[in-house]
């Protein structure tokens, strides 16, 4: 797979450094490795903490080299020995200092960016990837349903968030996909609010944005609900956000662009006077990264293709009042398939 990508670039070698891409192309989740592909083969660089396990997982025809790969000294020496003059690397992921270190060990080489090529190669998921994402999404559903009966007056945002994480670990999740958003009341008006020690009171609204990992693959879901009667304004707004969510899901088909999907949900919220409160994009791809291509926003030309996993997550955020977001995870088959299956009608506990 990596060799075929190398053949698509006009360079003497291809260097892969980001954790998501090294994991995808090697099959081994290792935070301390670098992969180098040339016309003659692929070399996997890592240190002695990982070589034993790596040897049993990476492709058998790859060369395994033990070294401290983060400063690129040994890697640069090997590339220079090959006579490489044009080097492709992930400029979209490398820090400035890492890039300068890499360049210092390959003096005189021309560097080109291969970030888009590597990330585009991950957009359409294989069946084994989809199986892991389905399992992760199922853990979210089970965790949320099990959590609802445990929501109590006086518990804090942090307590509820950590209880949710415990529930999806019990359901089979293997860790968090991102920091859980668990916010109450006016804090729900912050799209990515940080949970704190605010205590839950009757009449509070709640937003939970959460996801877990299974086999390194992420899931993502948001549910907004109420603890006691939230009032008519919230109830009416909730139905509008739900309609925007459903319209975004129903409009999905093979070949539709992220821009087109974003516009459908956004136009609906505009039509009911809530568009000015929709401050983020409609969705994003999900895989080894929680945010990856395809992107669903007002500028995205990414096309939804069969095998892609993505979110639909319209939301509104009214400062001083409340926020509502309803997010589902989907996979595109012949038609969109909903992976987030827990209740998204307005729940009032």
C-alpha atoms as a PDB file:
ATOM      1  CA  UNK A   1       0.000   0.000   0.000  1.00  0.00           C
ATOM      2  CA  UNK A   2       2.774   2.448   0.920  1.00  0.00           C
ATOM      3  CA  UNK A   3       4.852   1.346  -2.047  1.00  0.00           C
ATOM      4  CA  UNK A   4       1.970   2.118  -4.397  1.00  0.00           C
ATOM      5  CA  UNK A   5       1.662   5.613  -2.904  1.00  0.00           C
ATOM      6  CA  UNK A   6       5.391   6.162  -3.337  1.00  0.00           C
ATOM      7  CA  UNK A   7       4.980   5.455  -7.025  1.00  0.00           C
ATOM      8  CA  UNK A   8       2.512   8.357  -7.250  1.00  0.00           C
ATOM      9  CA  UNK A   9       4.988  10.997  -6.107  1.00  0.00           C
ATOM     10  CA  UNK A  10       7.886  12.498  -7.986  1.00  0.00           C
ATOM     11  CA  UNK A  11      10.525  12.013  -5.302  1.00  0.00           C
ATOM     12  CA  UNK A  12      13.419   9.723  -4.413  1.00  0.00           C
ATOM     13  CA  UNK A  13      12.018   8.817  -1.012  1.00  0.00           C
ATOM     14  CA  UNK A  14       8.867   9.215   1.069  1.00  0.00           C
ATOM     15  CA  UNK A  15       9.113   9.856   4.822  1.00  0.00           C
ATOM     16  CA  UNK A  16       6.103   9.154   7.091  1.00  0.00           C
ATOM     17  CA  UNK A  17       6.217  10.557  10.633  1.00  0.00           C
ATOM     18  CA  UNK A  18       2.694  11.266  11.967  1.00  0.00           C
ATOM     19  CA  UNK A  19       1.298   8.663  14.345  1.00  0.00           C
ATOM     20  CA  UNK A  20      -1.961   8.244  12.428  1.00  0.00           C
ATOM     21  CA  UNK A  21      -0.231   7.660   9.110  1.00  0.00           C
ATOM     22  CA  UNK A  22       2.531   5.414  10.462  1.00  0.00           C
ATOM     23  CA  UNK A  23      -0.184   3.375  12.204  1.00  0.00           C
ATOM     24  CA  UNK A  24      -2.323   3.148   9.090  1.00  0.00           C
ATOM     25  CA  UNK A  25       0.420   2.181   6.674  1.00  0.00           C
ATOM     26  CA  UNK A  26       2.322  -0.180   9.011  1.00  0.00           C
ATOM     27  CA  UNK A  27      -0.544  -1.682  11.026  1.00  0.00           C
ATOM     28  CA  UNK A  28       1.286  -0.888  14.268  1.00  0.00           C
ATOM     29  CA  UNK A  29       0.351   1.941  16.645  1.00  0.00           C
ATOM     30  CA  UNK A  30       3.714   3.316  17.757  1.00  0.00           C
ATOM     31  CA  UNK A  31       4.269   6.954  18.814  1.00  0.00           C
ATOM     32  CA  UNK A  32       8.052   6.731  18.256  1.00  0.00           C
ATOM     33  CA  UNK A  33       8.712   5.645  14.695  1.00  0.00           C
ATOM     34  CA  UNK A  34       9.492   6.890  11.196  1.00  0.00           C
ATOM     35  CA  UNK A  35       8.863   5.050   7.933  1.00  0.00           C
ATOM     36  CA  UNK A  36      10.931   5.639   4.801  1.00  0.00           C
ATOM     37  CA  UNK A  37       9.840   4.282   1.412  1.00  0.00           C
ATOM     38  CA  UNK A  38      12.057   4.239  -1.685  1.00  0.00           C
ATOM     39  CA  UNK A  39      11.964   2.416  -5.004  1.00  0.00           C
ATOM     40  CA  UNK A  40      13.941  -0.392  -3.372  1.00  0.00           C
ATOM     41  CA  UNK A  41      11.687  -1.002  -0.363  1.00  0.00           C
ATOM     42  CA  UNK A  42      10.406   0.271   2.971  1.00  0.00           C
ATOM     43  CA  UNK A  43      12.366   0.782   6.208  1.00  0.00           C
ATOM     44  CA  UNK A  44      10.766   1.110   9.637  1.00  0.00           C
ATOM     45  CA  UNK A  45      12.798   3.022  12.222  1.00  0.00           C
ATOM     46  CA  UNK A  46      12.034   2.783  15.942  1.00  0.00           C
ATOM     47  CA  UNK A  47      13.893   2.312  19.220  1.00  0.00           C
ATOM     48  CA  UNK A  48      14.445  -0.783  21.340  1.00  0.00           C
ATOM     49  CA  UNK A  49      11.269  -0.217  23.366  1.00  0.00           C
ATOM     50  CA  UNK A  50       9.209  -1.141  20.315  1.00  0.00           C
ATOM     51  CA  UNK A  51      11.362  -3.299  18.016  1.00  0.00           C
ATOM     52  CA  UNK A  52      10.250  -6.648  19.433  1.00  0.00           C
ATOM     53  CA  UNK A  53       6.559  -5.963  19.027  1.00  0.00           C
ATOM     54  CA  UNK A  54       7.034  -4.116  15.755  1.00  0.00           C
ATOM     55  CA  UNK A  55       8.791  -7.085  14.181  1.00  0.00           C
ATOM     56  CA  UNK A  56       5.709  -9.247  14.694  1.00  0.00           C
ATOM     57  CA  UNK A  57       3.260  -6.684  13.255  1.00  0.00           C
ATOM     58  CA  UNK A  58       4.781  -4.621  10.425  1.00  0.00           C
ATOM     59  CA  UNK A  59       4.870  -6.117   6.897  1.00  0.00           C
ATOM     60  CA  UNK A  60       7.381  -8.953   6.648  1.00  0.00           C
ATOM     61  CA  UNK A  61       9.171  -7.461   3.653  1.00  0.00           C
ATOM     62  CA  UNK A  62       9.978  -4.184   5.468  1.00  0.00           C
ATOM     63  CA  UNK A  63      13.399  -3.621   6.977  1.00  0.00           C
ATOM     64  CA  UNK A  64      13.371  -2.902  10.722  1.00  0.00           C
ATOM     65  CA  UNK A  65      16.070  -0.580  12.081  1.00  0.00           C
ATOM     66  CA  UNK A  66      16.607   0.155  15.766  1.00  0.00           C
ATOM     67  CA  UNK A  67      17.629   3.744  16.456  1.00  0.00           C
ATOM     68  CA  UNK A  68      16.501   6.919  18.192  1.00  0.00           C
ATOM     69  CA  UNK A  69      14.463   8.134  15.253  1.00  0.00           C
ATOM     70  CA  UNK A  70      13.072  11.435  16.552  1.00  0.00           C
ATOM     71  CA  UNK A  71      16.217  13.454  15.765  1.00  0.00           C
ATOM     72  CA  UNK A  72      16.472  11.923  12.256  1.00  0.00           C
ATOM     73  CA  UNK A  73      20.280  11.456  12.371  1.00  0.00           C
ATOM     74  CA  UNK A  74      20.379   7.781  11.357  1.00  0.00           C
ATOM     75  CA  UNK A  75      17.479   8.263   8.950  1.00  0.00           C
ATOM     76  CA  UNK A  76      19.196  11.193   7.267  1.00  0.00           C
ATOM     77  CA  UNK A  77      22.451   9.250   6.922  1.00  0.00           C
ATOM     78  CA  UNK A  78      20.638   6.373   5.214  1.00  0.00           C
ATOM     79  CA  UNK A  79      18.819   8.705   2.826  1.00  0.00           C
ATOM     80  CA  UNK A  80      22.051  10.500   1.941  1.00  0.00           C
ATOM     81  CA  UNK A  81      23.702   7.122   1.297  1.00  0.00           C
ATOM     82  CA  UNK A  82      20.941   6.366  -1.217  1.00  0.00           C
ATOM     83  CA  UNK A  83      21.781   9.542  -3.110  1.00  0.00           C
ATOM     84  CA  UNK A  84      18.276  10.942  -2.676  1.00  0.00           C
ATOM     85  CA  UNK A  85      17.915  14.476  -4.006  1.00  0.00           C
ATOM     86  CA  UNK A  86      14.145  14.941  -3.688  1.00  0.00           C
ATOM     87  CA  UNK A  87      12.427  14.014  -0.433  1.00  0.00           C
ATOM     88  CA  UNK A  88       8.668  13.873   0.265  1.00  0.00           C
ATOM     89  CA  UNK A  89       7.586  14.393   3.872  1.00  0.00           C
ATOM     90  CA  UNK A  90       4.519  15.356   5.907  1.00  0.00           C
ATOM     91  CA  UNK A  91       4.956  19.100   6.176  1.00  0.00           C
ATOM     92  CA  UNK A  92       1.395  19.320   7.473  1.00  0.00           C
ATOM     93  CA  UNK A  93       2.394  17.422  10.612  1.00  0.00           C
ATOM     94  CA  UNK A  94       6.083  18.121  11.199  1.00  0.00           C
ATOM     95  CA  UNK A  95       6.907  20.903  13.627  1.00  0.00           C
ATOM     96  CA  UNK A  96       9.302  23.575  12.438  1.00  0.00           C
ATOM     97  CA  UNK A  97      12.080  22.239  14.667  1.00  0.00           C
ATOM     98  CA  UNK A  98      11.535  18.648  13.460  1.00  0.00           C
ATOM     99  CA  UNK A  99      11.620  19.743   9.832  1.00  0.00           C
ATOM    100  CA  UNK A 100      14.799  21.744  10.400  1.00  0.00           C
ATOM    101  CA  UNK A 101      16.377  18.714  12.085  1.00  0.00           C
ATOM    102  CA  UNK A 102      15.415  16.470   9.175  1.00  0.00           C
ATOM    103  CA  UNK A 103      16.702  18.946   6.619  1.00  0.00           C
ATOM    104  CA  UNK A 104      20.008  19.362   8.443  1.00  0.00           C
ATOM    105  CA  UNK A 105      20.753  15.646   8.083  1.00  0.00           C
ATOM    106  CA  UNK A 106      19.936  15.599   4.350  1.00  0.00           C
ATOM    107  CA  UNK A 107      21.873  18.658   3.131  1.00  0.00           C
ATOM    108  CA  UNK A 108      21.080  19.967  -0.322  1.00  0.00           C
ATOM    109  CA  UNK A 109      17.916  17.899  -0.786  1.00  0.00           C
ATOM    110  CA  UNK A 110      14.690  19.377  -2.163  1.00  0.00           C
ATOM    111  CA  UNK A 111      11.672  18.755   0.088  1.00  0.00           C
ATOM    112  CA  UNK A 112       8.082  18.387  -1.121  1.00  0.00           C
ATOM    113  CA  UNK A 113       4.863  17.909   0.864  1.00  0.00           C
ATOM    114  CA  UNK A 114       3.063  14.539   0.793  1.00  0.00           C
ATOM    115  CA  UNK A 115       0.560  15.213   3.605  1.00  0.00           C
ATOM    116  CA  UNK A 116      -2.517  15.313   1.370  1.00  0.00           C
ATOM    117  CA  UNK A 117      -1.527  12.177  -0.522  1.00  0.00           C
ATOM    118  CA  UNK A 118      -1.132  10.134   2.664  1.00  0.00           C
ATOM    119  CA  UNK A 119      -4.324  11.455   4.310  1.00  0.00           C
ATOM    120  CA  UNK A 120      -6.427  11.060   1.162  1.00  0.00           C
ATOM    121  CA  UNK A 121      -5.378   7.417   1.090  1.00  0.00           C
ATOM    122  CA  UNK A 122      -7.125   6.889   4.445  1.00  0.00           C
ATOM    123  CA  UNK A 123     -10.514   8.434   3.601  1.00  0.00           C
ATOM    124  CA  UNK A 124     -12.197   5.299   2.247  1.00  0.00           C
ATOM    125  CA  UNK A 125     -12.219   2.698   4.995  1.00  0.00           C
ATOM    126  CA  UNK A 126     -11.527  -1.016   4.549  1.00  0.00           C
ATOM    127  CA  UNK A 127     -14.004  -3.504   6.005  1.00  0.00           C
ATOM    128  CA  UNK A 128     -11.714  -4.248   8.959  1.00  0.00           C
ATOM    129  CA  UNK A 129     -11.538  -0.530   9.761  1.00  0.00           C
ATOM    130  CA  UNK A 130     -15.308  -0.174   9.506  1.00  0.00           C
ATOM    131  CA  UNK A 131     -15.771  -3.090  11.882  1.00  0.00           C
ATOM    132  CA  UNK A 132     -13.685  -1.308  14.542  1.00  0.00           C
ATOM    133  CA  UNK A 133     -15.497   2.007  14.035  1.00  0.00           C
ATOM    134  CA  UNK A 134     -18.865   0.234  14.308  1.00  0.00           C
ATOM    135  CA  UNK A 135     -17.790  -1.335  17.599  1.00  0.00           C
ATOM    136  CA  UNK A 136     -16.625   2.032  18.932  1.00  0.00           C
ATOM    137  CA  UNK A 137     -19.923   3.664  17.919  1.00  0.00           C
ATOM    138  CA  UNK A 138     -21.865   0.869  19.602  1.00  0.00           C
ATOM    139  CA  UNK A 139     -19.915   1.470  22.831  1.00  0.00           C
ATOM    140  CA  UNK A 140     -21.094   5.096  22.739  1.00  0.00           C
ATOM    141  CA  UNK A 141     -24.720   4.031  22.386  1.00  0.00           C
ATOM    142  CA  UNK A 142     -24.539   1.561  25.265  1.00  0.00           C
ATOM    143  CA  UNK A 143     -22.677   4.011  27.499  1.00  0.00           C
ATOM    144  CA  UNK A 144     -25.171   6.830  26.932  1.00  0.00           C
ATOM    145  CA  UNK A 145     -28.210   4.654  27.550  1.00  0.00           C
ATOM    146  CA  UNK A 146     -26.641   3.261  30.734  1.00  0.00           C
ATOM    147  CA  UNK A 147     -25.660   6.727  31.921  1.00  0.00           C
ATOM    148  CA  UNK A 148     -29.124   8.273  31.822  1.00  0.00           C
ATOM    149  CA  UNK A 149     -30.365   6.424  34.892  1.00  0.00           C
ATOM    150  CA  UNK A 150     -27.364   7.644  36.891  1.00  0.00           C
ATOM    151  CA  UNK A 151     -27.778  11.394  36.309  1.00  0.00           C
ATOM    152  CA  UNK A 152     -28.463  13.011  39.688  1.00  0.00           C
ATOM    153  CA  UNK A 153     -28.953  16.498  41.049  1.00  0.00           C
ATOM    154  CA  UNK A 154     -25.779  17.891  42.605  1.00  0.00           C
ATOM    155  CA  UNK A 155     -23.284  15.909  40.502  1.00  0.00           C
ATOM    156  CA  UNK A 156     -20.667  18.008  38.716  1.00  0.00           C
ATOM    157  CA  UNK A 157     -19.861  18.302  35.032  1.00  0.00           C
ATOM    158  CA  UNK A 158     -16.592  16.475  35.653  1.00  0.00           C
ATOM    159  CA  UNK A 159     -18.291  13.685  37.576  1.00  0.00           C
ATOM    160  CA  UNK A 160     -20.823  13.083  34.815  1.00  0.00           C
ATOM    161  CA  UNK A 161     -18.122  13.135  32.137  1.00  0.00           C
ATOM    162  CA  UNK A 162     -15.915  10.625  33.925  1.00  0.00           C
ATOM    163  CA  UNK A 163     -18.903   8.401  34.690  1.00  0.00           C
ATOM    164  CA  UNK A 164     -19.682   8.373  30.979  1.00  0.00           C
ATOM    165  CA  UNK A 165     -16.093   7.394  30.150  1.00  0.00           C
ATOM    166  CA  UNK A 166     -16.320   4.543  32.663  1.00  0.00           C
ATOM    167  CA  UNK A 167     -19.508   3.344  30.992  1.00  0.00           C
ATOM    168  CA  UNK A 168     -18.014   3.107  27.526  1.00  0.00           C
ATOM    169  CA  UNK A 169     -14.962   1.303  28.843  1.00  0.00           C
ATOM    170  CA  UNK A 170     -17.374  -1.197  30.446  1.00  0.00           C
ATOM    171  CA  UNK A 171     -19.113  -1.464  27.054  1.00  0.00           C
ATOM    172  CA  UNK A 172     -15.863  -2.462  25.319  1.00  0.00           C
ATOM    173  CA  UNK A 173     -14.144   0.814  24.504  1.00  0.00           C
ATOM    174  CA  UNK A 174     -10.374   0.960  24.898  1.00  0.00           C
ATOM    175  CA  UNK A 175      -9.866   4.631  25.742  1.00  0.00           C
ATOM    176  CA  UNK A 176     -11.126   8.105  24.929  1.00  0.00           C
ATOM    177  CA  UNK A 177     -11.039   9.393  21.364  1.00  0.00           C
ATOM    178  CA  UNK A 178     -10.826  13.000  22.650  1.00  0.00           C
ATOM    179  CA  UNK A 179     -11.434  14.926  25.857  1.00  0.00           C
ATOM    180  CA  UNK A 180     -15.070  14.432  26.844  1.00  0.00           C
ATOM    181  CA  UNK A 181     -17.245  17.550  26.762  1.00  0.00           C
ATOM    182  CA  UNK A 182     -19.714  17.446  29.663  1.00  0.00           C
ATOM    183  CA  UNK A 183     -21.378  20.799  30.346  1.00  0.00           C
ATOM    184  CA  UNK A 184     -24.529  22.072  32.077  1.00  0.00           C
ATOM    185  CA  UNK A 185     -26.805  25.074  31.772  1.00  0.00           C
ATOM    186  CA  UNK A 186     -25.307  28.203  30.253  1.00  0.00           C
ATOM    187  CA  UNK A 187     -22.025  26.357  29.728  1.00  0.00           C
ATOM    188  CA  UNK A 188     -23.693  24.430  26.893  1.00  0.00           C
ATOM    189  CA  UNK A 189     -23.477  27.660  24.864  1.00  0.00           C
ATOM    190  CA  UNK A 190     -19.714  27.032  24.566  1.00  0.00           C
ATOM    191  CA  UNK A 191     -19.319  24.598  21.624  1.00  0.00           C
ATOM    192  CA  UNK A 192     -16.181  23.063  23.136  1.00  0.00           C
ATOM    193  CA  UNK A 193     -16.723  24.007  26.763  1.00  0.00           C
ATOM    194  CA  UNK A 194     -14.435  22.529  29.408  1.00  0.00           C
ATOM    195  CA  UNK A 195     -16.170  20.600  32.199  1.00  0.00           C
ATOM    196  CA  UNK A 196     -15.682  21.895  35.699  1.00  0.00           C
ATOM    197  CA  UNK A 197     -17.168  21.707  39.167  1.00  0.00           C
ATOM    198  CA  UNK A 198     -20.533  23.263  38.313  1.00  0.00           C
ATOM    199  CA  UNK A 199     -23.292  21.208  39.948  1.00  0.00           C
ATOM    200  CA  UNK A 200     -26.371  19.950  38.155  1.00  0.00           C
ATOM    201  CA  UNK A 201     -29.662  21.585  39.147  1.00  0.00           C
ATOM    202  CA  UNK A 202     -33.262  20.936  38.183  1.00  0.00           C
ATOM    203  CA  UNK A 203     -34.099  22.679  34.913  1.00  0.00           C
ATOM    204  CA  UNK A 204     -30.501  22.511  33.643  1.00  0.00           C
ATOM    205  CA  UNK A 205     -29.787  21.440  30.081  1.00  0.00           C
ATOM    206  CA  UNK A 206     -26.846  19.125  29.408  1.00  0.00           C
ATOM    207  CA  UNK A 207     -24.567  18.561  26.421  1.00  0.00           C
ATOM    208  CA  UNK A 208     -22.315  15.512  26.184  1.00  0.00           C
ATOM    209  CA  UNK A 209     -19.851  15.227  23.296  1.00  0.00           C
ATOM    210  CA  UNK A 210     -17.855  12.024  23.598  1.00  0.00           C
ATOM    211  CA  UNK A 211     -16.221   9.126  21.829  1.00  0.00           C
ATOM    212  CA  UNK A 212     -14.041   6.121  22.455  1.00  0.00           C
ATOM    213  CA  UNK A 213     -11.448   4.103  20.576  1.00  0.00           C
ATOM    214  CA  UNK A 214     -11.484   0.453  19.583  1.00  0.00           C
ATOM    215  CA  UNK A 215      -8.366  -0.920  17.932  1.00  0.00           C
ATOM    216  CA  UNK A 216      -7.093   2.633  17.513  1.00  0.00           C
ATOM    217  CA  UNK A 217     -10.196   3.786  15.611  1.00  0.00           C
ATOM    218  CA  UNK A 218     -12.401   6.587  16.926  1.00  0.00           C
ATOM    219  CA  UNK A 219     -16.101   7.194  17.388  1.00  0.00           C
ATOM    220  CA  UNK A 220     -17.845  10.523  17.944  1.00  0.00           C
ATOM    221  CA  UNK A 221     -21.332  11.472  19.124  1.00  0.00           C
ATOM    222  CA  UNK A 222     -23.091  14.387  20.834  1.00  0.00           C
ATOM    223  CA  UNK A 223     -26.356  14.316  22.721  1.00  0.00           C
ATOM    224  CA  UNK A 224     -28.125  17.298  24.300  1.00  0.00           C
ATOM    225  CA  UNK A 225     -30.903  16.724  26.836  1.00  0.00           C
ATOM    226  CA  UNK A 226     -32.491  18.211  29.955  1.00  0.00           C
ATOM    227  CA  UNK A 227     -32.638  17.517  33.663  1.00  0.00           C
ATOM    228  CA  UNK A 228     -36.124  18.780  34.430  1.00  0.00           C
ATOM    229  CA  UNK A 229     -38.234  21.053  32.247  1.00  0.00           C
ATOM    230  CA  UNK A 230     -35.891  23.246  30.129  1.00  0.00           C
ATOM    231  CA  UNK A 231     -38.588  25.675  28.965  1.00  0.00           C
ATOM    232  CA  UNK A 232     -40.349  26.209  25.637  1.00  0.00           C
ATOM    233  CA  UNK A 233     -37.547  28.151  23.949  1.00  0.00           C
ATOM    234  CA  UNK A 234     -35.159  25.224  24.394  1.00  0.00           C
ATOM    235  CA  UNK A 235     -37.748  22.665  23.309  1.00  0.00           C
ATOM    236  CA  UNK A 236     -38.554  24.534  20.098  1.00  0.00           C
ATOM    237  CA  UNK A 237     -34.874  25.143  19.301  1.00  0.00           C
ATOM    238  CA  UNK A 238     -34.104  21.477  19.936  1.00  0.00           C
ATOM    239  CA  UNK A 239     -36.613  20.362  17.315  1.00  0.00           C
ATOM    240  CA  UNK A 240     -35.066  22.737  14.780  1.00  0.00           C
ATOM    241  CA  UNK A 241     -31.554  21.393  15.438  1.00  0.00           C
ATOM    242  CA  UNK A 242     -32.888  17.849  15.147  1.00  0.00           C
ATOM    243  CA  UNK A 243     -34.497  18.712  11.810  1.00  0.00           C
ATOM    244  CA  UNK A 244     -31.201  20.180  10.578  1.00  0.00           C
ATOM    245  CA  UNK A 245     -29.474  16.964  11.656  1.00  0.00           C
ATOM    246  CA  UNK A 246     -32.002  14.789   9.820  1.00  0.00           C
ATOM    247  CA  UNK A 247     -31.823  16.913   6.676  1.00  0.00           C
ATOM    248  CA  UNK A 248     -28.027  16.595   6.630  1.00  0.00           C
ATOM    249  CA  UNK A 249     -28.257  12.832   7.003  1.00  0.00           C
ATOM    250  CA  UNK A 250     -30.977  12.397   4.390  1.00  0.00           C
ATOM    251  CA  UNK A 251     -29.122  14.539   1.817  1.00  0.00           C
ATOM    252  CA  UNK A 252     -26.080  12.281   1.911  1.00  0.00           C
ATOM    253  CA  UNK A 253     -25.311  10.295  -1.202  1.00  0.00           C
ATOM    254  CA  UNK A 254     -22.256   9.120  -3.081  1.00  0.00           C
ATOM    255  CA  UNK A 255     -20.588  12.100  -4.756  1.00  0.00           C
ATOM    256  CA  UNK A 256     -22.150  14.886  -2.672  1.00  0.00           C
ATOM    257  CA  UNK A 257     -19.589  17.428  -1.462  1.00  0.00           C
ATOM    258  CA  UNK A 258     -18.985  18.543   2.084  1.00  0.00           C
ATOM    259  CA  UNK A 259     -19.942  22.053   1.006  1.00  0.00           C
ATOM    260  CA  UNK A 260     -23.324  20.891  -0.304  1.00  0.00           C
ATOM    261  CA  UNK A 261     -24.192  18.981   2.871  1.00  0.00           C
ATOM    262  CA  UNK A 262     -23.159  21.876   5.096  1.00  0.00           C
ATOM    263  CA  UNK A 263     -25.371  24.234   3.095  1.00  0.00           C
ATOM    264  CA  UNK A 264     -28.476  22.064   3.444  1.00  0.00           C
ATOM    265  CA  UNK A 265     -28.436  22.017   7.243  1.00  0.00           C
ATOM    266  CA  UNK A 266     -27.247  25.620   7.482  1.00  0.00           C
ATOM    267  CA  UNK A 267     -29.973  26.886   5.115  1.00  0.00           C
ATOM    268  CA  UNK A 268     -32.630  25.212   7.247  1.00  0.00           C
ATOM    269  CA  UNK A 269     -31.373  26.842  10.451  1.00  0.00           C
ATOM    270  CA  UNK A 270     -31.222  30.168   8.603  1.00  0.00           C
ATOM    271  CA  UNK A 271     -34.857  29.726   7.535  1.00  0.00           C
ATOM    272  CA  UNK A 272     -36.022  29.471  11.171  1.00  0.00           C
ATOM    273  CA  UNK A 273     -33.883  32.352  12.399  1.00  0.00           C
ATOM    274  CA  UNK A 274     -31.195  30.241  14.102  1.00  0.00           C
ATOM    275  CA  UNK A 275     -28.472  30.235  11.457  1.00  0.00           C
ATOM    276  CA  UNK A 276     -26.504  33.021  13.161  1.00  0.00           C
ATOM    277  CA  UNK A 277     -26.034  30.712  16.162  1.00  0.00           C
ATOM    278  CA  UNK A 278     -24.551  27.857  14.078  1.00  0.00           C
ATOM    279  CA  UNK A 279     -20.882  28.731  14.474  1.00  0.00           C
ATOM    280  CA  UNK A 280     -19.000  25.655  13.267  1.00  0.00           C
ATOM    281  CA  UNK A 281     -18.938  23.259  10.334  1.00  0.00           C
ATOM    282  CA  UNK A 282     -21.508  20.516   9.825  1.00  0.00           C
ATOM    283  CA  UNK A 283     -19.129  17.611  10.232  1.00  0.00           C
ATOM    284  CA  UNK A 284     -15.868  15.810   9.569  1.00  0.00           C
ATOM    285  CA  UNK A 285     -14.404  12.427   8.796  1.00  0.00           C
ATOM    286  CA  UNK A 286     -13.600  10.013  11.620  1.00  0.00           C
ATOM    287  CA  UNK A 287     -11.042   7.222  11.660  1.00  0.00           C
ATOM    288  CA  UNK A 288      -7.644   6.924  13.292  1.00  0.00           C
ATOM    289  CA  UNK A 289      -7.991  10.684  13.889  1.00  0.00           C
ATOM    290  CA  UNK A 290     -11.099  12.170  15.439  1.00  0.00           C
ATOM    291  CA  UNK A 291     -11.027  14.939  12.809  1.00  0.00           C
ATOM    292  CA  UNK A 292      -9.879  13.861   9.351  1.00  0.00           C
ATOM    293  CA  UNK A 293     -11.003  14.065   5.744  1.00  0.00           C
ATOM    294  CA  UNK A 294     -13.637  14.336   4.382  1.00  0.00           C
ATOM    295  CA  UNK A 295     -14.560  17.713   5.869  1.00  0.00           C
ATOM    296  CA  UNK A 296     -18.102  19.042   5.722  1.00  0.00           C
ATOM    297  CA  UNK A 297     -17.953  22.830   5.734  1.00  0.00           C
ATOM    298  CA  UNK A 298     -18.791  25.835   3.595  1.00  0.00           C
ATOM    299  CA  UNK A 299     -15.568  25.544   1.572  1.00  0.00           C
ATOM    300  CA  UNK A 300     -15.062  21.788   1.311  1.00  0.00           C
ATOM    301  CA  UNK A 301     -14.845  20.160  -2.103  1.00  0.00           C
ATOM    302  CA  UNK A 302     -14.320  16.718  -0.509  1.00  0.00           C
ATOM    303  CA  UNK A 303     -16.763  14.232  -2.033  1.00  0.00           C
ATOM    304  CA  UNK A 304     -18.480  11.604   0.075  1.00  0.00           C
ATOM    305  CA  UNK A 305     -17.651   8.176  -1.336  1.00  0.00           C
ATOM    306  CA  UNK A 306     -18.656   4.658  -0.404  1.00  0.00           C
ATOM    307  CA  UNK A 307     -16.732   3.497   2.660  1.00  0.00           C
ATOM    308  CA  UNK A 308     -16.213   6.948   4.169  1.00  0.00           C
ATOM    309  CA  UNK A 309     -17.171   7.601   7.802  1.00  0.00           C
ATOM    310  CA  UNK A 310     -18.263  11.103   8.792  1.00  0.00           C
ATOM    311  CA  UNK A 311     -20.323  13.084  11.286  1.00  0.00           C
ATOM    312  CA  UNK A 312     -23.415  15.234  10.890  1.00  0.00           C
ATOM    313  CA  UNK A 313     -23.479  17.662  13.831  1.00  0.00           C
ATOM    314  CA  UNK A 314     -25.465  20.890  13.498  1.00  0.00           C
ATOM    315  CA  UNK A 315     -25.604  23.016  16.626  1.00  0.00           C
ATOM    316  CA  UNK A 316     -26.712  26.389  17.931  1.00  0.00           C
ATOM    317  CA  UNK A 317     -25.111  28.341  20.783  1.00  0.00           C
ATOM    318  CA  UNK A 318     -26.882  31.277  22.415  1.00  0.00           C
ATOM    319  CA  UNK A 319     -24.632  33.009  24.944  1.00  0.00           C
ATOM    320  CA  UNK A 320     -26.169  33.413  28.368  1.00  0.00           C
ATOM    321  CA  UNK A 321     -28.880  30.846  27.598  1.00  0.00           C
ATOM    322  CA  UNK A 322     -28.007  27.448  26.191  1.00  0.00           C
ATOM    323  CA  UNK A 323     -26.443  25.434  23.404  1.00  0.00           C
ATOM    324  CA  UNK A 324     -27.745  22.393  21.525  1.00  0.00           C
ATOM    325  CA  UNK A 325     -25.738  20.016  19.357  1.00  0.00           C
ATOM    326  CA  UNK A 326     -26.937  16.703  17.905  1.00  0.00           C
ATOM    327  CA  UNK A 327     -24.125  14.689  16.357  1.00  0.00           C
ATOM    328  CA  UNK A 328     -24.307  11.323  14.657  1.00  0.00           C
ATOM    329  CA  UNK A 329     -21.619   9.148  13.088  1.00  0.00           C
ATOM    330  CA  UNK A 330     -22.361   7.618   9.683  1.00  0.00           C
ATOM    331  CA  UNK A 331     -20.776   5.406   7.073  1.00  0.00           C
ATOM    332  CA  UNK A 332     -21.615   5.824   3.408  1.00  0.00           C
ATOM    333  CA  UNK A 333     -22.799   2.614   1.768  1.00  0.00           C
ATOM    334  CA  UNK A 334     -25.148   2.619  -1.175  1.00  0.00           C
ATOM    335  CA  UNK A 335     -27.003   5.044   1.121  1.00  0.00           C
ATOM    336  CA  UNK A 336     -25.916   6.695   4.393  1.00  0.00           C
ATOM    337  CA  UNK A 337     -25.914   4.244   7.312  1.00  0.00           C
ATOM    338  CA  UNK A 338     -26.387   5.617  10.803  1.00  0.00           C
ATOM    339  CA  UNK A 339     -23.847   4.229  13.286  1.00  0.00           C
ATOM    340  CA  UNK A 340     -25.060   6.378  16.213  1.00  0.00           C
ATOM    341  CA  UNK A 341     -28.322   4.695  17.164  1.00  0.00           C
ATOM    342  CA  UNK A 342     -29.125   5.849  20.692  1.00  0.00           C
ATOM    343  CA  UNK A 343     -32.133   8.105  21.248  1.00  0.00           C
ATOM    344  CA  UNK A 344     -31.852  11.647  19.882  1.00  0.00           C
ATOM    345  CA  UNK A 345     -35.411  12.816  20.463  1.00  0.00           C
ATOM    346  CA  UNK A 346     -35.476  15.335  23.295  1.00  0.00           C
ATOM    347  CA  UNK A 347     -34.934  13.534  26.598  1.00  0.00           C
ATOM    348  CA  UNK A 348     -36.171  15.214  29.764  1.00  0.00           C
ATOM    349  CA  UNK A 349     -35.044  13.356  32.875  1.00  0.00           C
END
